[in-house]
Amino acid sequence: MSEYLGSTNRHRIRLTLEVATLDLSISIVNWNTCRLLDQCIESIYDMTHSIDYEVIVVDNASSDNSIEMLSDKYPGVRLIANDKNVGFATANNQAYDMSCGRYFMLLNSDTIVLNDLSGVVKYLDAHEKAGVASCKCLNQDRSVQLNWYDYYPSFAWEMLPEKVRNWISRAVYHRNPDAAFSTKWVGGQCMTVRRACIEQIGAMDTDYFMYSEETDWCYRIKRAGWEIHHCPDIEIIHFGGQSTKQIATKMLIELYGSKVRFIRKNLSVWQSELFVKGLLARTIMLRGLMSLLGCREREAQLTELLKVIPEL
């Protein structure tokens, strides 16, 4: 039967390597994505048969029928039902605390697994220096979705438009998404972490509510001497932003707040202050452009962002 646990404020890593009895623990954090969550779990069970694994769902106080759906359709899923939205990092830490796998996978609820997840287990078994392995991530039309990153957030990098950053990455590194390679960090929509690595460097930093928590985790993992790998041996479709679009303005603020937090924590205070000033100038210009173009919803979001930028 499903297991219900109340929310807690602090989570400690309790399991040791000796009690990791399964190959893979899959952690899915859910907030009001019942239909997509159903689809995601069904794809896991349909595709994955050659390893011992568990699925742990952490529900962040959804108001839809997510919990009822899980109880009815997936009694084997281990469920943590929080009474409030504790954020992505804290929720995944909750899942890790009760997990039993040699490897711990973060998987977004808005994904579909396309092949047997044993591929990432075999990959990590064969690459002992890899602390983290990602996947080949696809859009709905099966085009490649970027989920690896060769640069950390910084003032200079973040001031560039996203399309320019992606172009520079492609031009400099010439990455082949069908091949394995080492990179700086990978996206949290699907990333698998070695338990020995987590035992060494610790769980995710819960100061991050949403965004940049996987960046920070990969940064710490890499500094500890582990490698971060892109692994094409498993494939997923990622729809993207299905929870966050429900509260788009709040998540826009959280996005940039998390980038400031990462830069201040891992680079320097002066770089974070410079980033805030650059973000303020860019947001003012972008809001003016949205006003001229008549994009009222986006203009309103940027107006709210401007109110909080000085406090980041």
Protein backbone atom coordinates (compact mmCIF):
# COMPACT_ATOMS: atom_id res chain seq x y z
CA MET A 1 0.00 0.00 0.00
CA SER A 2 1.02 3.61 -0.42
CA GLU A 3 2.90 5.16 2.49
CA TYR A 4 1.76 8.54 3.82
CA LEU A 5 4.12 10.72 5.77
CA GLY A 6 3.49 14.19 7.11
CA SER A 7 5.70 17.11 6.13
CA THR A 8 8.79 17.93 8.17
CA ASN A 9 11.02 20.97 8.26
CA ARG A 10 14.45 19.37 8.25
CA HIS A 11 15.56 16.20 6.56
CA ARG A 12 18.69 14.27 7.35
CA ILE A 13 20.37 11.59 5.28
CA ARG A 14 19.79 8.44 7.30
CA LEU A 15 20.41 5.51 4.99
CA THR A 16 23.86 4.07 4.52
CA LEU A 17 25.16 2.26 1.50
CA GLU A 18 24.69 -1.07 3.26
CA VAL A 19 20.88 -0.75 3.23
CA ALA A 20 20.57 0.30 -0.43
CA THR A 21 18.67 -2.81 -1.47
CA LEU A 22 17.30 -1.68 -4.86
CA ASP A 23 18.99 -0.61 -8.07
CA LEU A 24 17.08 2.65 -8.49
CA SER A 25 14.85 4.97 -6.49
CA ILE A 26 12.76 7.34 -8.62
CA SER A 27 11.67 10.57 -6.93
CA ILE A 28 8.79 12.51 -8.49
CA VAL A 29 7.71 15.83 -6.96
CA ASN A 30 4.12 16.72 -7.78
CA TRP A 31 2.06 19.87 -7.47
CA ASN A 32 -1.33 19.80 -9.21
CA THR A 33 -0.26 17.75 -12.24
CA CYS A 34 -2.52 14.74 -11.72
CA ARG A 35 -2.99 13.80 -15.39
CA LEU A 36 0.69 14.21 -16.24
CA LEU A 37 1.78 12.36 -13.11
CA ASP A 38 -0.45 9.44 -14.09
CA GLN A 39 1.09 9.44 -17.56
CA CYS A 40 4.63 9.61 -16.15
CA ILE A 41 4.22 6.72 -13.72
CA GLU A 42 2.47 4.59 -16.31
CA SER A 43 5.40 5.10 -18.70
CA ILE A 44 7.88 4.02 -16.00
CA TYR A 45 6.00 0.81 -15.32
CA ASP A 46 5.44 0.13 -19.02
CA MET A 47 9.09 0.56 -19.95
CA THR A 48 11.19 -0.56 -16.98
CA HIS A 49 11.35 -4.29 -16.26
CA SER A 50 14.98 -5.41 -15.91
CA ILE A 51 15.99 -3.71 -12.63
CA ASP A 52 14.69 -3.54 -9.07
CA TYR A 53 13.31 -0.07 -8.46
CA GLU A 54 10.83 1.97 -6.46
CA VAL A 55 8.77 5.04 -7.27
CA ILE A 56 8.42 7.70 -4.57
CA VAL A 57 6.01 10.57 -5.12
CA VAL A 58 6.21 13.66 -2.93
CA ASP A 59 3.00 15.65 -3.25
CA ASN A 60 3.35 19.31 -2.30
CA ALA A 61 -0.21 19.89 -1.09
CA SER A 62 -1.94 19.50 -4.45
CA SER A 63 -5.56 20.61 -4.66
CA ASP A 64 -6.40 18.33 -7.60
CA ASN A 65 -7.00 14.57 -7.39
CA SER A 66 -3.35 13.54 -7.42
CA ILE A 67 -3.36 11.68 -4.11
CA GLU A 68 -6.64 9.90 -4.87
CA MET A 69 -5.36 8.90 -8.30
CA LEU A 70 -2.19 7.45 -6.80
CA SER A 71 -4.08 5.47 -4.18
CA ASP A 72 -6.48 4.05 -6.75
CA LYS A 73 -4.11 3.29 -9.64
CA TYR A 74 -0.65 2.87 -8.12
CA PRO A 75 -0.81 1.27 -4.67
CA GLY A 76 2.84 0.28 -4.98
CA VAL A 77 4.01 3.89 -5.16
CA ARG A 78 5.43 5.27 -1.93
CA LEU A 79 3.71 8.56 -1.21
CA ILE A 80 4.75 11.49 0.95
CA ALA A 81 1.79 13.87 1.28
CA ASN A 82 2.91 17.30 2.46
CA ASP A 83 0.44 19.75 3.95
CA LYS A 84 2.13 22.66 2.20
CA ASN A 85 4.33 23.27 -0.83
CA VAL A 86 7.82 22.80 0.54
CA GLY A 87 9.58 23.31 -2.79
CA PHE A 88 11.55 21.08 -5.13
CA ALA A 89 14.76 20.61 -3.14
CA THR A 90 13.11 19.86 0.20
CA ALA A 91 10.62 17.46 -1.42
CA ASN A 92 13.38 15.49 -3.16
CA ASN A 93 15.33 15.34 0.10
CA GLN A 94 12.25 13.86 1.75
CA ALA A 95 12.16 11.19 -0.94
CA TYR A 96 15.87 10.48 -0.53
CA ASP A 97 15.45 10.01 3.22
CA MET A 98 13.12 7.05 2.63
CA SER A 99 14.73 5.69 -0.55
CA CYS A 100 16.45 2.31 -0.87
CA GLY A 101 18.20 2.51 -4.25
CA ARG A 102 21.87 2.43 -5.10
CA TYR A 103 21.04 5.30 -7.43
CA PHE A 104 18.58 8.13 -6.82
CA MET A 105 16.72 9.60 -9.81
CA LEU A 106 14.98 12.97 -9.91
CA LEU A 107 12.20 12.80 -12.49
CA ASN A 108 9.70 15.54 -13.24
CA SER A 109 6.02 14.68 -13.27
CA ASP A 110 5.65 16.26 -16.73
CA THR A 111 7.81 13.62 -18.44
CA ILE A 112 7.23 10.41 -20.35
CA VAL A 113 9.84 7.65 -20.11
CA LEU A 114 10.56 6.20 -23.55
CA ASN A 115 12.78 3.21 -22.72
CA ASP A 116 13.97 0.99 -19.89
CA LEU A 117 15.53 3.02 -17.08
CA SER A 118 18.00 0.20 -16.56
CA GLY A 119 20.13 2.05 -19.12
CA VAL A 120 21.21 4.68 -16.62
CA VAL A 121 21.88 2.05 -13.93
CA LYS A 122 24.14 0.13 -16.31
CA TYR A 123 25.82 3.37 -17.39
CA LEU A 124 26.66 4.42 -13.83
CA ASP A 125 27.79 0.91 -12.98
CA ALA A 126 30.26 1.18 -15.87
CA HIS A 127 31.43 4.75 -15.11
CA GLU A 128 32.58 4.81 -11.51
CA LYS A 129 33.80 8.42 -11.64
CA ALA A 130 30.35 9.70 -12.61
CA GLY A 131 28.40 11.01 -9.64
CA VAL A 132 25.50 12.14 -11.83
CA ALA A 133 24.05 10.99 -15.14
CA SER A 134 21.28 12.72 -17.08
CA CYS A 135 19.32 11.43 -20.08
CA LYS A 136 18.52 12.29 -23.67
CA CYS A 137 15.70 14.79 -23.28
CA LEU A 138 13.19 15.42 -26.06
CA ASN A 139 10.43 17.91 -26.77
CA GLN A 140 6.94 16.76 -27.71
CA ASP A 141 7.90 16.80 -31.40
CA ARG A 142 10.89 14.56 -30.57
CA SER A 143 13.42 17.32 -31.23
CA VAL A 144 16.30 17.47 -28.73
CA GLN A 145 15.73 19.55 -25.62
CA LEU A 146 18.88 20.97 -24.06
CA ASN A 147 19.37 19.48 -20.60
CA TRP A 148 23.14 19.80 -20.15
CA TYR A 149 25.10 22.97 -19.44
CA ASP A 150 28.77 23.78 -19.89
CA TYR A 151 28.67 27.08 -18.00
CA TYR A 152 27.56 28.01 -14.49
CA PRO A 153 25.34 31.05 -13.90
CA SER A 154 27.41 34.24 -13.67
CA PHE A 155 26.85 37.94 -14.27
CA ALA A 156 28.34 37.97 -17.77
CA TRP A 157 26.67 34.72 -18.83
CA GLU A 158 23.21 35.52 -17.49
CA MET A 159 23.09 38.93 -19.13
CA LEU A 160 23.16 37.25 -22.54
CA PRO A 161 19.83 36.18 -24.11
CA GLU A 162 19.12 32.47 -23.76
CA LYS A 163 19.34 31.87 -27.51
CA VAL A 164 22.77 33.50 -27.59
CA ARG A 165 23.94 31.36 -24.66
CA ASN A 166 22.73 28.21 -26.40
CA TRP A 167 24.45 29.24 -29.65
CA ILE A 168 27.75 29.85 -27.85
CA SER A 169 27.51 26.47 -26.12
CA ARG A 170 26.92 24.69 -29.41
CA ALA A 171 29.68 26.61 -31.19
CA VAL A 172 32.29 26.00 -28.49
CA TYR A 173 31.56 22.44 -27.40
CA HIS A 174 29.88 20.78 -30.42
CA ARG A 175 27.95 18.40 -28.18
CA ASN A 176 26.31 15.34 -29.70
CA PRO A 177 23.14 14.47 -27.72
CA ASP A 178 23.42 10.85 -28.91
CA ALA A 179 26.85 10.45 -27.30
CA ALA A 180 27.96 10.40 -23.68
CA PHE A 181 30.11 13.27 -22.39
CA SER A 182 31.13 15.07 -19.22
CA THR A 183 29.66 18.52 -18.55
CA LYS A 184 29.26 21.01 -15.69
CA TRP A 185 25.64 20.46 -14.69
CA VAL A 186 22.44 18.84 -15.92
CA GLY A 187 18.77 19.65 -15.60
CA GLY A 188 16.65 18.26 -12.79
CA GLN A 189 13.88 17.05 -15.10
CA CYS A 190 15.74 13.73 -15.15
CA MET A 191 19.02 13.26 -13.33
CA THR A 192 20.33 10.20 -11.52
CA VAL A 193 22.76 10.55 -8.62
CA ARG A 194 24.97 7.88 -7.12
CA ARG A 195 24.11 7.20 -3.46
CA ALA A 196 27.80 7.17 -2.51
CA CYS A 197 28.06 10.67 -3.94
CA ILE A 198 25.09 11.95 -1.91
CA GLU A 199 26.47 10.34 1.24
CA GLN A 200 29.72 12.24 0.65
CA ILE A 201 28.50 15.74 -0.24
CA GLY A 202 24.99 15.83 1.24
CA ALA A 203 21.49 16.34 -0.10
CA MET A 204 20.11 19.30 -2.04
CA ASP A 205 20.34 22.77 -0.50
CA THR A 206 16.87 23.61 0.81
CA ASP A 207 17.56 27.35 0.68
CA TYR A 208 16.51 26.93 -2.96
CA PHE A 209 12.73 26.63 -3.24
CA MET A 210 12.63 26.21 -6.99
CA TYR A 211 15.28 26.56 -9.74
CA SER A 212 19.09 26.35 -9.52
CA GLU A 213 18.97 23.67 -6.84
CA GLU A 214 20.26 21.07 -9.31
CA THR A 215 22.89 23.54 -10.53
CA ASP A 216 24.11 24.04 -6.98
CA TRP A 217 24.05 20.28 -6.32
CA CYS A 218 26.06 19.51 -9.45
CA TYR A 219 28.51 22.30 -8.56
CA ARG A 220 29.11 20.74 -5.14
CA ILE A 221 29.33 17.24 -6.60
CA LYS A 222 31.89 18.32 -9.20
CA ARG A 223 33.96 20.19 -6.60
CA ALA A 224 34.10 16.97 -4.57
CA GLY A 225 35.82 15.26 -7.50
CA TRP A 226 32.89 13.48 -9.17
CA GLU A 227 31.99 13.87 -12.83
CA ILE A 228 28.66 15.02 -14.27
CA HIS A 229 27.68 13.00 -17.35
CA HIS A 230 25.18 13.34 -20.16
CA CYS A 231 23.85 9.81 -20.67
CA PRO A 232 21.91 9.12 -23.90
CA ASP A 233 21.10 5.55 -22.87
CA ILE A 234 17.71 6.58 -21.51
CA GLU A 235 15.26 8.92 -23.25
CA ILE A 236 12.35 10.99 -21.98
CA ILE A 237 9.88 13.50 -23.35
CA HIS A 238 9.73 16.62 -21.17
CA PHE A 239 6.74 18.91 -21.55
CA GLY A 240 8.22 21.58 -19.27
CA GLY A 241 6.80 24.12 -16.85
CA GLN A 242 3.50 22.35 -16.20
CA SER A 243 3.50 23.15 -12.48
CA THR A 244 5.25 26.49 -12.62
CA LYS A 245 3.00 27.99 -15.31
CA GLN A 246 0.16 27.84 -12.78
CA ILE A 247 1.92 30.59 -10.80
CA ALA A 248 4.05 32.15 -13.53
CA THR A 249 4.81 35.49 -11.86
CA LYS A 250 5.90 33.92 -8.59
CA MET A 251 8.11 31.45 -10.46
CA LEU A 252 9.70 34.24 -12.54
CA ILE A 253 10.72 35.92 -9.30
CA GLU A 254 11.93 32.62 -7.89
CA LEU A 255 13.98 31.93 -11.06
CA TYR A 256 16.06 35.06 -10.73
CA GLY A 257 16.22 34.90 -6.95
CA SER A 258 17.72 31.43 -7.22
CA LYS A 259 20.33 32.62 -9.72
CA VAL A 260 21.35 35.41 -7.34
CA ARG A 261 21.56 32.87 -4.53
CA PHE A 262 23.76 30.56 -6.59
CA ILE A 263 26.14 33.33 -7.64
CA ARG A 264 26.38 34.77 -4.11
CA LYS A 265 26.96 31.35 -2.54
CA ASN A 266 29.35 29.80 -5.04
CA LEU A 267 31.07 32.70 -6.83
CA SER A 268 31.19 36.02 -4.98
CA VAL A 269 29.03 38.68 -3.35
CA TRP A 270 30.23 41.38 -5.75
CA GLN A 271 29.22 39.28 -8.76
CA SER A 272 25.76 38.75 -7.28
CA GLU A 273 25.39 42.49 -6.68
CA LEU A 274 26.48 43.20 -10.25
CA PHE A 275 23.99 40.63 -11.49
CA VAL A 276 21.15 42.30 -9.57
CA LYS A 277 22.02 45.68 -11.11
CA GLY A 278 22.21 44.19 -14.59
CA LEU A 279 18.92 42.35 -14.06
CA LEU A 280 17.25 45.58 -12.96
CA ALA A 281 18.38 47.45 -16.08
CA ARG A 282 17.43 44.61 -18.41
CA THR A 283 14.00 44.17 -16.83
CA ILE A 284 13.23 47.88 -17.13
CA MET A 285 14.08 47.79 -20.83
CA LEU A 286 12.17 44.58 -21.44
CA ARG A 287 9.08 45.88 -19.64
CA GLY A 288 9.16 48.98 -21.83
CA LEU A 289 9.35 46.79 -24.93
CA MET A 290 6.41 44.65 -23.73
CA SER A 291 4.40 47.82 -23.14
CA LEU A 292 5.06 49.05 -26.68
CA LEU A 293 4.11 45.64 -28.11
CA GLY A 294 0.94 45.49 -26.05
CA CYS A 295 1.95 42.29 -24.19
CA ARG A 296 0.05 43.18 -21.02
CA GLU A 297 0.43 39.89 -19.18
CA ARG A 298 4.18 39.80 -19.64
CA GLU A 299 4.42 43.51 -18.77
CA ALA A 300 2.56 42.84 -15.51
CA GLN A 301 4.90 39.96 -14.64
CA LEU A 302 7.96 42.14 -15.22
CA THR A 303 6.42 44.91 -13.13
CA GLU A 304 6.13 42.49 -10.20
CA LEU A 305 9.71 41.33 -10.77
CA LEU A 306 10.94 44.93 -10.65
CA LYS A 307 9.38 45.36 -7.21
CA VAL A 308 11.48 42.59 -5.69
CA ILE A 309 14.78 42.84 -7.60
CA PRO A 310 16.32 45.31 -5.08
CA GLU A 311 15.60 42.76 -2.31
CA LEU A 312 17.24 39.77 -4.05
